[in-house]
Amino acid sequence: MPLNLESLSDAARTALLARIAHTLTICARDTYEVGTKNVLDPQTLRAYNELLHRVTGSVVSHLSGSQGYSLPSMVEMIRSFGIHHKRVGEMDWALQNALQSTETKAME
């Protein structure tokens, strides 16, 4: 599913990355055992942590005006994560949810 990234302002791109990071934390909760402190899938949880590290690093880069991962490359990383960890639907949801929230806020 295509994302319209080109039309976003710099501020909206940064907001989108932050929303993606937040949404990924929701997706990562699937690695936990409900109602306990147990982790059912530690390898995937660690992979989420590494992905979140890259996404939040990109947010910091955008905020500081330094060169970091581009938004299209971050989206590709997220999609690749979904393929590699058999979570394509979750990653598509995370991207679409974050983009929809960003577009809604931009219209307000």
PDB file of N, CA and C in Angstrom:
ATOM      1  N   MET A   1       0.834  -1.172   0.000  1.00  0.00           N
ATOM      2  CA  MET A   1       0.000   0.000   0.000  1.00  0.00           C
ATOM      3  C   MET A   1       0.884   1.242   0.000  1.00  0.00           C
ATOM      4  N   PRO A   2       0.687   2.115  -0.960  1.00  0.00           N
ATOM      5  CA  PRO A   2       1.560   3.279  -1.090  1.00  0.00           C
ATOM      6  C   PRO A   2       1.278   4.331  -0.017  1.00  0.00           C
ATOM      7  N   LEU A   3       2.352   4.953   0.422  1.00  0.00           N
ATOM      8  CA  LEU A   3       2.250   6.056   1.375  1.00  0.00           C
ATOM      9  C   LEU A   3       2.641   7.329   0.649  1.00  0.00           C
ATOM     10  N   ASN A   4       1.884   8.397   0.832  1.00  0.00           N
ATOM     11  CA  ASN A   4       2.189   9.667   0.199  1.00  0.00           C
ATOM     12  C   ASN A   4       3.114  10.468   1.109  1.00  0.00           C
ATOM     13  N   LEU A   5       4.416  10.217   0.996  1.00  0.00           N
ATOM     14  CA  LEU A   5       5.396  10.856   1.860  1.00  0.00           C
ATOM     15  C   LEU A   5       5.900  12.174   1.291  1.00  0.00           C
ATOM     16  N   GLU A   6       5.848  12.310  -0.024  1.00  0.00           N
ATOM     17  CA  GLU A   6       6.419  13.486  -0.672  1.00  0.00           C
ATOM     18  C   GLU A   6       5.696  14.770  -0.314  1.00  0.00           C
ATOM     19  N   SER A   7       4.401  14.676  -0.017  1.00  0.00           N
ATOM     20  CA  SER A   7       3.627  15.882   0.247  1.00  0.00           C
ATOM     21  C   SER A   7       3.763  16.368   1.689  1.00  0.00           C
ATOM     22  N   LEU A   8       4.470  15.629   2.538  1.00  0.00           N
ATOM     23  CA  LEU A   8       4.591  16.011   3.947  1.00  0.00           C
ATOM     24  C   LEU A   8       5.659  17.089   4.141  1.00  0.00           C
ATOM     25  N   SER A   9       5.366  18.028   5.001  1.00  0.00           N
ATOM     26  CA  SER A   9       6.357  19.040   5.371  1.00  0.00           C
ATOM     27  C   SER A   9       7.420  18.380   6.245  1.00  0.00           C
ATOM     28  N   ASP A  10       8.518  19.092   6.492  1.00  0.00           N
ATOM     29  CA  ASP A  10       9.562  18.555   7.371  1.00  0.00           C
ATOM     30  C   ASP A  10       9.010  18.264   8.762  1.00  0.00           C
ATOM     31  N   ALA A  11       8.193  19.178   9.274  1.00  0.00           N
ATOM     32  CA  ALA A  11       7.606  18.968  10.608  1.00  0.00           C
ATOM     33  C   ALA A  11       6.686  17.759  10.609  1.00  0.00           C
ATOM     34  N   ALA A  12       5.919  17.584   9.546  1.00  0.00           N
ATOM     35  CA  ALA A  12       5.018  16.435   9.461  1.00  0.00           C
ATOM     36  C   ALA A  12       5.801  15.131   9.325  1.00  0.00           C
ATOM     37  N   ARG A  13       6.924  15.155   8.637  1.00  0.00           N
ATOM     38  CA  ARG A  13       7.768  13.953   8.526  1.00  0.00           C
ATOM     39  C   ARG A  13       8.311  13.556   9.900  1.00  0.00           C
ATOM     40  N   THR A  14       8.745  14.545  10.649  1.00  0.00           N
ATOM     41  CA  THR A  14       9.250  14.272  11.996  1.00  0.00           C
ATOM     42  C   THR A  14       8.127  13.738  12.874  1.00  0.00           C
ATOM     43  N   ALA A  15       6.962  14.355  12.793  1.00  0.00           N
ATOM     44  CA  ALA A  15       5.804  13.884  13.573  1.00  0.00           C
ATOM     45  C   ALA A  15       5.425  12.467  13.163  1.00  0.00           C
ATOM     46  N   LEU A  16       5.487  12.181  11.876  1.00  0.00           N
ATOM     47  CA  LEU A  16       5.173  10.837  11.398  1.00  0.00           C
ATOM     48  C   LEU A  16       6.135   9.813  11.986  1.00  0.00           C
ATOM     49  N   LEU A  17       7.419  10.117  11.980  1.00  0.00           N
ATOM     50  CA  LEU A  17       8.397   9.204  12.560  1.00  0.00           C
ATOM     51  C   LEU A  17       8.123   8.964  14.044  1.00  0.00           C
ATOM     52  N   ALA A  18       7.780  10.020  14.769  1.00  0.00           N
ATOM     53  CA  ALA A  18       7.468   9.870  16.192  1.00  0.00           C
ATOM     54  C   ALA A  18       6.217   9.015  16.382  1.00  0.00           C
ATOM     55  N   ARG A  19       5.218   9.212  15.544  1.00  0.00           N
ATOM     56  CA  ARG A  19       4.000   8.402  15.642  1.00  0.00           C
ATOM     57  C   ARG A  19       4.270   6.946  15.266  1.00  0.00           C
ATOM     58  N   ILE A  20       5.139   6.743  14.287  1.00  0.00           N
ATOM     59  CA  ILE A  20       5.524   5.372  13.936  1.00  0.00           C
ATOM     60  C   ILE A  20       6.181   4.698  15.137  1.00  0.00           C
ATOM     61  N   ALA A  21       7.092   5.403  15.801  1.00  0.00           N
ATOM     62  CA  ALA A  21       7.760   4.840  16.976  1.00  0.00           C
ATOM     63  C   ALA A  21       6.734   4.460  18.039  1.00  0.00           C
ATOM     64  N   HIS A  22       5.800   5.347  18.302  1.00  0.00           N
ATOM     65  CA  HIS A  22       4.768   5.064  19.294  1.00  0.00           C
ATOM     66  C   HIS A  22       3.937   3.848  18.889  1.00  0.00           C
ATOM     67  N   THR A  23       3.553   3.783  17.647  1.00  0.00           N
ATOM     68  CA  THR A  23       2.737   2.677  17.156  1.00  0.00           C
ATOM     69  C   THR A  23       3.499   1.348  17.203  1.00  0.00           C
ATOM     70  N   LEU A  24       4.798   1.400  16.939  1.00  0.00           N
ATOM     71  CA  LEU A  24       5.602   0.175  17.020  1.00  0.00           C
ATOM     72  C   LEU A  24       5.649  -0.367  18.443  1.00  0.00           C
ATOM     73  N   THR A  25       5.601   0.519  19.438  1.00  0.00           N
ATOM     74  CA  THR A  25       5.582   0.027  20.815  1.00  0.00           C
ATOM     75  C   THR A  25       4.296  -0.756  21.096  1.00  0.00           C
ATOM     76  N   ILE A  26       3.221  -0.340  20.468  1.00  0.00           N
ATOM     77  CA  ILE A  26       1.955  -1.067  20.601  1.00  0.00           C
ATOM     78  C   ILE A  26       2.086  -2.445  19.955  1.00  0.00           C
ATOM     79  N   CYS A  27       2.663  -2.488  18.773  1.00  0.00           N
ATOM     80  CA  CYS A  27       2.864  -3.768  18.079  1.00  0.00           C
ATOM     81  C   CYS A  27       3.773  -4.698  18.878  1.00  0.00           C
ATOM     82  N   ALA A  28       4.795  -4.152  19.508  1.00  0.00           N
ATOM     83  CA  ALA A  28       5.756  -4.963  20.264  1.00  0.00           C
ATOM     84  C   ALA A  28       5.109  -5.644  21.461  1.00  0.00           C
ATOM     85  N   ARG A  29       4.005  -5.125  21.925  1.00  0.00           N
ATOM     86  CA  ARG A  29       3.317  -5.739  23.060  1.00  0.00           C
ATOM     87  C   ARG A  29       2.833  -7.147  22.752  1.00  0.00           C
ATOM     88  N   ASP A  30       2.727  -7.491  21.475  1.00  0.00           N
ATOM     89  CA  ASP A  30       2.332  -8.853  21.110  1.00  0.00           C
ATOM     90  C   ASP A  30       3.372  -9.888  21.522  1.00  0.00           C
ATOM     91  N   THR A  31       4.547  -9.442  21.908  1.00  0.00           N
ATOM     92  CA  THR A  31       5.587 -10.382  22.342  1.00  0.00           C
ATOM     93  C   THR A  31       5.456 -10.722  23.823  1.00  0.00           C
ATOM     94  N   TYR A  32       4.538 -10.061  24.533  1.00  0.00           N
ATOM     95  CA  TYR A  32       4.353 -10.279  25.967  1.00  0.00           C
ATOM     96  C   TYR A  32       3.227 -11.291  26.209  1.00  0.00           C
ATOM     97  N   GLU A  33       3.272 -11.927  27.369  1.00  0.00           N
ATOM     98  CA  GLU A  33       2.170 -12.765  27.816  1.00  0.00           C
ATOM     99  C   GLU A  33       1.172 -11.858  28.535  1.00  0.00           C
ATOM    100  N   VAL A  34      -0.065 -11.882  28.087  1.00  0.00           N
ATOM    101  CA  VAL A  34      -1.101 -10.999  28.623  1.00  0.00           C
ATOM    102  C   VAL A  34      -1.274 -11.226  30.126  1.00  0.00           C
ATOM    103  N   GLY A  35      -1.319 -10.127  30.851  1.00  0.00           N
ATOM    104  CA  GLY A  35      -1.588 -10.173  32.274  1.00  0.00           C
ATOM    105  C   GLY A  35      -0.415 -10.566  33.146  1.00  0.00           C
ATOM    106  N   THR A  36       0.762 -10.714  32.544  1.00  0.00           N
ATOM    107  CA  THR A  36       1.954 -11.083  33.317  1.00  0.00           C
ATOM    108  C   THR A  36       3.111 -10.184  32.903  1.00  0.00           C
ATOM    109  N   LYS A  37       4.254 -10.406  33.521  1.00  0.00           N
ATOM    110  CA  LYS A  37       5.470  -9.701  33.134  1.00  0.00           C
ATOM    111  C   LYS A  37       6.344 -10.560  32.216  1.00  0.00           C
ATOM    112  N   ASN A  38       5.812 -11.686  31.779  1.00  0.00           N
ATOM    113  CA  ASN A  38       6.569 -12.625  30.945  1.00  0.00           C
ATOM    114  C   ASN A  38       6.650 -12.164  29.504  1.00  0.00           C
ATOM    115  N   VAL A  39       7.786 -12.442  28.891  1.00  0.00           N
ATOM    116  CA  VAL A  39       7.995 -12.189  27.470  1.00  0.00           C
ATOM    117  C   VAL A  39       7.951 -13.535  26.755  1.00  0.00           C
ATOM    118  N   LEU A  40       7.032 -13.652  25.802  1.00  0.00           N
ATOM    119  CA  LEU A  40       6.869 -14.900  25.069  1.00  0.00           C
ATOM    120  C   LEU A  40       7.826 -15.034  23.893  1.00  0.00           C
ATOM    121  N   ASP A  41       8.206 -13.914  23.317  1.00  0.00           N
ATOM    122  CA  ASP A  41       9.019 -13.933  22.102  1.00  0.00           C
ATOM    123  C   ASP A  41      10.164 -12.929  22.248  1.00  0.00           C
ATOM    124  N   PRO A  42      11.194 -13.287  23.036  1.00  0.00           N
ATOM    125  CA  PRO A  42      12.271 -12.330  23.306  1.00  0.00           C
ATOM    126  C   PRO A  42      13.067 -11.918  22.062  1.00  0.00           C
ATOM    127  N   GLN A  43      13.218 -12.822  21.104  1.00  0.00           N
ATOM    128  CA  GLN A  43      13.974 -12.458  19.902  1.00  0.00           C
ATOM    129  C   GLN A  43      13.252 -11.368  19.108  1.00  0.00           C
ATOM    130  N   THR A  44      11.943 -11.496  18.984  1.00  0.00           N
ATOM    131  CA  THR A  44      11.184 -10.474  18.260  1.00  0.00           C
ATOM    132  C   THR A  44      11.130  -9.177  19.054  1.00  0.00           C
ATOM    133  N   LEU A  45      11.015  -9.282  20.375  1.00  0.00           N
ATOM    134  CA  LEU A  45      11.032  -8.072  21.202  1.00  0.00           C
ATOM    135  C   LEU A  45      12.348  -7.329  21.022  1.00  0.00           C
ATOM    136  N   ARG A  46      13.445  -8.058  21.001  1.00  0.00           N
ATOM    137  CA  ARG A  46      14.745  -7.423  20.774  1.00  0.00           C
ATOM    138  C   ARG A  46      14.805  -6.778  19.383  1.00  0.00           C
ATOM    139  N   ALA A  47      14.266  -7.454  18.388  1.00  0.00           N
ATOM    140  CA  ALA A  47      14.246  -6.889  17.034  1.00  0.00           C
ATOM    141  C   ALA A  47      13.417  -5.610  16.995  1.00  0.00           C
ATOM    142  N   TYR A  48      12.294  -5.602  17.703  1.00  0.00           N
ATOM    143  CA  TYR A  48      11.504  -4.368  17.810  1.00  0.00           C
ATOM    144  C   TYR A  48      12.339  -3.258  18.445  1.00  0.00           C
ATOM    145  N   ASN A  49      13.080  -3.591  19.490  1.00  0.00           N
ATOM    146  CA  ASN A  49      13.914  -2.601  20.155  1.00  0.00           C
ATOM    147  C   ASN A  49      14.933  -2.008  19.184  1.00  0.00           C
ATOM    148  N   GLU A  50      15.558  -2.855  18.384  1.00  0.00           N
ATOM    149  CA  GLU A  50      16.535  -2.366  17.404  1.00  0.00           C
ATOM    150  C   GLU A  50      15.858  -1.474  16.357  1.00  0.00           C
ATOM    151  N   LEU A  51      14.685  -1.874  15.904  1.00  0.00           N
ATOM    152  CA  LEU A  51      13.943  -1.058  14.938  1.00  0.00           C
ATOM    153  C   LEU A  51      13.556   0.281  15.563  1.00  0.00           C
ATOM    154  N   LEU A  52      13.069   0.247  16.790  1.00  0.00           N
ATOM    155  CA  LEU A  52      12.711   1.494  17.485  1.00  0.00           C
ATOM    156  C   LEU A  52      13.918   2.389  17.681  1.00  0.00           C
ATOM    157  N   HIS A  53      15.077   1.791  17.927  1.00  0.00           N
ATOM    158  CA  HIS A  53      16.306   2.574  18.053  1.00  0.00           C
ATOM    159  C   HIS A  53      16.570   3.359  16.767  1.00  0.00           C
ATOM    160  N   ARG A  54      16.384   2.719  15.638  1.00  0.00           N
ATOM    161  CA  ARG A  54      16.601   3.398  14.348  1.00  0.00           C
ATOM    162  C   ARG A  54      15.552   4.477  14.098  1.00  0.00           C
ATOM    163  N   VAL A  55      14.300   4.161  14.398  1.00  0.00           N
ATOM    164  CA  VAL A  55      13.226   5.140  14.168  1.00  0.00           C
ATOM    165  C   VAL A  55      13.411   6.354  15.072  1.00  0.00           C
ATOM    166  N   THR A  56      13.657   6.135  16.364  1.00  0.00           N
ATOM    167  CA  THR A  56      13.829   7.280  17.260  1.00  0.00           C
ATOM    168  C   THR A  56      15.115   8.036  16.951  1.00  0.00           C
ATOM    169  N   GLY A  57      16.144   7.336  16.488  1.00  0.00           N
ATOM    170  CA  GLY A  57      17.358   8.023  16.042  1.00  0.00           C
ATOM    171  C   GLY A  57      17.065   8.934  14.863  1.00  0.00           C
ATOM    172  N   SER A  58      16.194   8.481  13.985  1.00  0.00           N
ATOM    173  CA  SER A  58      15.800   9.306  12.845  1.00  0.00           C
ATOM    174  C   SER A  58      15.012  10.528  13.300  1.00  0.00           C
ATOM    175  N   VAL A  59      14.167  10.359  14.313  1.00  0.00           N
ATOM    176  CA  VAL A  59      13.445  11.509  14.876  1.00  0.00           C
ATOM    177  C   VAL A  59      14.439  12.532  15.409  1.00  0.00           C
ATOM    178  N   VAL A  60      15.421  12.069  16.176  1.00  0.00           N
ATOM    179  CA  VAL A  60      16.440  12.970  16.729  1.00  0.00           C
ATOM    180  C   VAL A  60      17.191  13.677  15.603  1.00  0.00           C
ATOM    181  N   SER A  61      17.549  12.944  14.565  1.00  0.00           N
ATOM    182  CA  SER A  61      18.248  13.554  13.428  1.00  0.00           C
ATOM    183  C   SER A  61      17.402  14.634  12.783  1.00  0.00           C
ATOM    184  N   HIS A  62      16.117  14.341  12.567  1.00  0.00           N
ATOM    185  CA  HIS A  62      15.235  15.331  11.958  1.00  0.00           C
ATOM    186  C   HIS A  62      15.109  16.579  12.837  1.00  0.00           C
ATOM    187  N   LEU A  63      14.992  16.377  14.142  1.00  0.00           N
ATOM    188  CA  LEU A  63      14.847  17.515  15.050  1.00  0.00           C
ATOM    189  C   LEU A  63      16.111  18.364  15.132  1.00  0.00           C
ATOM    190  N   SER A  64      17.264  17.726  15.031  1.00  0.00           N
ATOM    191  CA  SER A  64      18.523  18.458  15.148  1.00  0.00           C
ATOM    192  C   SER A  64      19.031  18.980  13.808  1.00  0.00           C
ATOM    193  N   GLY A  65      18.333  18.624  12.737  1.00  0.00           N
ATOM    194  CA  GLY A  65      18.731  19.096  11.422  1.00  0.00           C
ATOM    195  C   GLY A  65      19.934  18.361  10.848  1.00  0.00           C
ATOM    196  N   SER A  66      20.297  17.236  11.449  1.00  0.00           N
ATOM    197  CA  SER A  66      21.431  16.472  10.927  1.00  0.00           C
ATOM    198  C   SER A  66      20.943  15.395   9.964  1.00  0.00           C
ATOM    199  N   GLN A  67      21.871  14.885   9.207  1.00  0.00           N
ATOM    200  CA  GLN A  67      21.542  13.865   8.217  1.00  0.00           C
ATOM    201  C   GLN A  67      21.365  12.522   8.924  1.00  0.00           C
ATOM    202  N   GLY A  68      20.248  11.921   8.760  1.00  0.00           N
ATOM    203  CA  GLY A  68      19.976  10.596   9.299  1.00  0.00           C
ATOM    204  C   GLY A  68      19.301   9.773   8.224  1.00  0.00           C
ATOM    205  N   TYR A  69      18.666   8.710   8.636  1.00  0.00           N
ATOM    206  CA  TYR A  69      17.907   7.909   7.676  1.00  0.00           C
ATOM    207  C   TYR A  69      16.780   8.751   7.096  1.00  0.00           C
ATOM    208  N   SER A  70      16.565   8.624   5.818  1.00  0.00           N
ATOM    209  CA  SER A  70      15.451   9.329   5.185  1.00  0.00           C
ATOM    210  C   SER A  70      14.149   8.620   5.562  1.00  0.00           C
ATOM    211  N   LEU A  71      13.055   9.327   5.440  1.00  0.00           N
ATOM    212  CA  LEU A  71      11.755   8.740   5.745  1.00  0.00           C
ATOM    213  C   LEU A  71      11.471   7.533   4.839  1.00  0.00           C
ATOM    214  N   PRO A  72      11.709   7.622   3.527  1.00  0.00           N
ATOM    215  CA  PRO A  72      11.487   6.426   2.698  1.00  0.00           C
ATOM    216  C   PRO A  72      12.348   5.228   3.116  1.00  0.00           C
ATOM    217  N   SER A  73      13.579   5.473   3.541  1.00  0.00           N
ATOM    218  CA  SER A  73      14.415   4.346   3.964  1.00  0.00           C
ATOM    219  C   SER A  73      13.902   3.764   5.281  1.00  0.00           C
ATOM    220  N   MET A  74      13.363   4.605   6.164  1.00  0.00           N
ATOM    221  CA  MET A  74      12.783   4.104   7.411  1.00  0.00           C
ATOM    222  C   MET A  74      11.551   3.248   7.112  1.00  0.00           C
ATOM    223  N   VAL A  75      10.721   3.706   6.197  1.00  0.00           N
ATOM    224  CA  VAL A  75       9.534   2.935   5.822  1.00  0.00           C
ATOM    225  C   VAL A  75       9.959   1.587   5.253  1.00  0.00           C
ATOM    226  N   GLU A  76      10.988   1.571   4.430  1.00  0.00           N
ATOM    227  CA  GLU A  76      11.484   0.311   3.871  1.00  0.00           C
ATOM    228  C   GLU A  76      12.011  -0.608   4.973  1.00  0.00           C
ATOM    229  N   MET A  77      12.719  -0.059   5.957  1.00  0.00           N
ATOM    230  CA  MET A  77      13.197  -0.868   7.096  1.00  0.00           C
ATOM    231  C   MET A  77      12.033  -1.503   7.840  1.00  0.00           C
ATOM    232  N   ILE A  78      10.991  -0.725   8.050  1.00  0.00           N
ATOM    233  CA  ILE A  78       9.818  -1.216   8.772  1.00  0.00           C
ATOM    234  C   ILE A  78       9.134  -2.326   7.983  1.00  0.00           C
ATOM    235  N   ARG A  79       8.993  -2.118   6.705  1.00  0.00           N
ATOM    236  CA  ARG A  79       8.381  -3.162   5.865  1.00  0.00           C
ATOM    237  C   ARG A  79       9.248  -4.413   5.826  1.00  0.00           C
ATOM    238  N   SER A  80      10.549  -4.257   5.753  1.00  0.00           N
ATOM    239  CA  SER A  80      11.454  -5.406   5.774  1.00  0.00           C
ATOM    240  C   SER A  80      11.361  -6.154   7.100  1.00  0.00           C
ATOM    241  N   PHE A  81      11.246  -5.410   8.188  1.00  0.00           N
ATOM    242  CA  PHE A  81      11.043  -6.017   9.503  1.00  0.00           C
ATOM    243  C   PHE A  81       9.793  -6.896   9.478  1.00  0.00           C
ATOM    244  N   GLY A  82       8.717  -6.360   8.926  1.00  0.00           N
ATOM    245  CA  GLY A  82       7.470  -7.109   8.846  1.00  0.00           C
ATOM    246  C   GLY A  82       7.612  -8.405   8.070  1.00  0.00           C
ATOM    247  N   ILE A  83       8.322  -8.351   6.967  1.00  0.00           N
ATOM    248  CA  ILE A  83       8.542  -9.558   6.168  1.00  0.00           C
ATOM    249  C   ILE A  83       9.399 -10.560   6.935  1.00  0.00           C
ATOM    250  N   HIS A  84      10.496 -10.096   7.479  1.00  0.00           N
ATOM    251  CA  HIS A  84      11.448 -10.971   8.175  1.00  0.00           C
ATOM    252  C   HIS A  84      10.842 -11.625   9.414  1.00  0.00           C
ATOM    253  N   HIS A  85       9.973 -10.907  10.112  1.00  0.00           N
ATOM    254  CA  HIS A  85       9.396 -11.408  11.365  1.00  0.00           C
ATOM    255  C   HIS A  85       7.944 -11.859  11.217  1.00  0.00           C
ATOM    256  N   LYS A  86       7.509 -12.006   9.974  1.00  0.00           N
ATOM    257  CA  LYS A  86       6.139 -12.462   9.682  1.00  0.00           C
ATOM    258  C   LYS A  86       5.097 -11.578  10.367  1.00  0.00           C
ATOM    259  N   ARG A  87       5.297 -10.278  10.225  1.00  0.00           N
ATOM    260  CA  ARG A  87       4.401  -9.281  10.821  1.00  0.00           C
ATOM    261  C   ARG A  87       4.054  -8.192   9.802  1.00  0.00           C
ATOM    262  N   VAL A  88       3.858  -8.617   8.558  1.00  0.00           N
ATOM    263  CA  VAL A  88       3.579  -7.664   7.483  1.00  0.00           C
ATOM    264  C   VAL A  88       2.315  -6.863   7.776  1.00  0.00           C
ATOM    265  N   GLY A  89       1.256  -7.539   8.190  1.00  0.00           N
ATOM    266  CA  GLY A  89      -0.002  -6.848   8.488  1.00  0.00           C
ATOM    267  C   GLY A  89       0.148  -5.826   9.597  1.00  0.00           C
ATOM    268  N   GLU A  90       0.886  -6.185  10.644  1.00  0.00           N
ATOM    269  CA  GLU A  90       1.104  -5.253  11.756  1.00  0.00           C
ATOM    270  C   GLU A  90       1.897  -4.031  11.297  1.00  0.00           C
ATOM    271  N   MET A  91       2.910  -4.244  10.468  1.00  0.00           N
ATOM    272  CA  MET A  91       3.724  -3.119  10.012  1.00  0.00           C
ATOM    273  C   MET A  91       2.931  -2.231   9.070  1.00  0.00           C
ATOM    274  N   ASP A  92       2.110  -2.830   8.210  1.00  0.00           N
ATOM    275  CA  ASP A  92       1.240  -2.024   7.350  1.00  0.00           C
ATOM    276  C   ASP A  92       0.281  -1.199   8.206  1.00  0.00           C
ATOM    277  N   TRP A  93      -0.285  -1.823   9.242  1.00  0.00           N
ATOM    278  CA  TRP A  93      -1.188  -1.108  10.146  1.00  0.00           C
ATOM    279  C   TRP A  93      -0.448   0.033  10.837  1.00  0.00           C
ATOM    280  N   ALA A  94       0.755  -0.243  11.336  1.00  0.00           N
ATOM    281  CA  ALA A  94       1.529   0.783  12.048  1.00  0.00           C
ATOM    282  C   ALA A  94       1.797   1.986  11.143  1.00  0.00           C
ATOM    283  N   LEU A  95       2.206   1.722   9.918  1.00  0.00           N
ATOM    284  CA  LEU A  95       2.505   2.809   8.975  1.00  0.00           C
ATOM    285  C   LEU A  95       1.241   3.589   8.620  1.00  0.00           C
ATOM    286  N   GLN A  96       0.179   2.885   8.294  1.00  0.00           N
ATOM    287  CA  GLN A  96      -1.062   3.560   7.908  1.00  0.00           C
ATOM    288  C   GLN A  96      -1.659   4.342   9.072  1.00  0.00           C
ATOM    289  N   ASN A  97      -1.639   3.753  10.261  1.00  0.00           N
ATOM    290  CA  ASN A  97      -2.172   4.425  11.446  1.00  0.00           C
ATOM    291  C   ASN A  97      -1.391   5.710  11.736  1.00  0.00           C
ATOM    292  N   ALA A  98      -0.074   5.623  11.681  1.00  0.00           N
ATOM    293  CA  ALA A  98       0.756   6.796  11.945  1.00  0.00           C
ATOM    294  C   ALA A  98       0.550   7.866  10.872  1.00  0.00           C
ATOM    295  N   LEU A  99       0.474   7.464   9.611  1.00  0.00           N
ATOM    296  CA  LEU A  99       0.274   8.427   8.530  1.00  0.00           C
ATOM    297  C   LEU A  99      -1.095   9.087   8.638  1.00  0.00           C
ATOM    298  N   GLN A 100      -2.113   8.304   8.928  1.00  0.00           N
ATOM    299  CA  GLN A 100      -3.460   8.866   9.060  1.00  0.00           C
ATOM    300  C   GLN A 100      -3.512   9.881  10.194  1.00  0.00           C
ATOM    301  N   SER A 101      -2.876   9.558  11.328  1.00  0.00           N
ATOM    302  CA  SER A 101      -2.834  10.500  12.441  1.00  0.00           C
ATOM    303  C   SER A 101      -2.096  11.777  12.069  1.00  0.00           C
ATOM    304  N   THR A 102      -1.005  11.639  11.328  1.00  0.00           N
ATOM    305  CA  THR A 102      -0.219  12.795  10.909  1.00  0.00           C
ATOM    306  C   THR A 102      -1.015  13.680   9.953  1.00  0.00           C
ATOM    307  N   GLU A 103      -1.692  13.055   8.983  1.00  0.00           N
ATOM    308  CA  GLU A 103      -2.484  13.825   8.028  1.00  0.00           C
ATOM    309  C   GLU A 103      -3.658  14.520   8.720  1.00  0.00           C
ATOM    310  N   THR A 104      -4.283  13.837   9.676  1.00  0.00           N
ATOM    311  CA  THR A 104      -5.409  14.439  10.415  1.00  0.00           C
ATOM    312  C   THR A 104      -4.946  15.650  11.193  1.00  0.00           C
ATOM    313  N   LYS A 105      -3.807  15.551  11.874  1.00  0.00           N
ATOM    314  CA  LYS A 105      -3.268  16.673  12.660  1.00  0.00           C
ATOM    315  C   LYS A 105      -2.883  17.828  11.745  1.00  0.00           C
ATOM    316  N   ALA A 106      -2.370  17.524  10.550  1.00  0.00           N
ATOM    317  CA  ALA A 106      -1.947  18.579   9.622  1.00  0.00           C
ATOM    318  C   ALA A 106      -3.148  19.375   9.110  1.00  0.00           C
ATOM    319  N   MET A 107      -4.322  18.721   9.067  1.00  0.00           N
ATOM    320  CA  MET A 107      -5.517  19.399   8.563  1.00  0.00           C
ATOM    321  C   MET A 107      -6.182  20.261   9.634  1.00  0.00           C
ATOM    322  N   GLU A 108      -5.856  20.039  10.898  1.00  0.00           N
ATOM    323  CA  GLU A 108      -6.513  20.792  11.983  1.00  0.00           C
ATOM    324  C   GLU A 108      -6.016  22.202  12.076  1.00  0.00           C
TER     325      GLU A 108
END
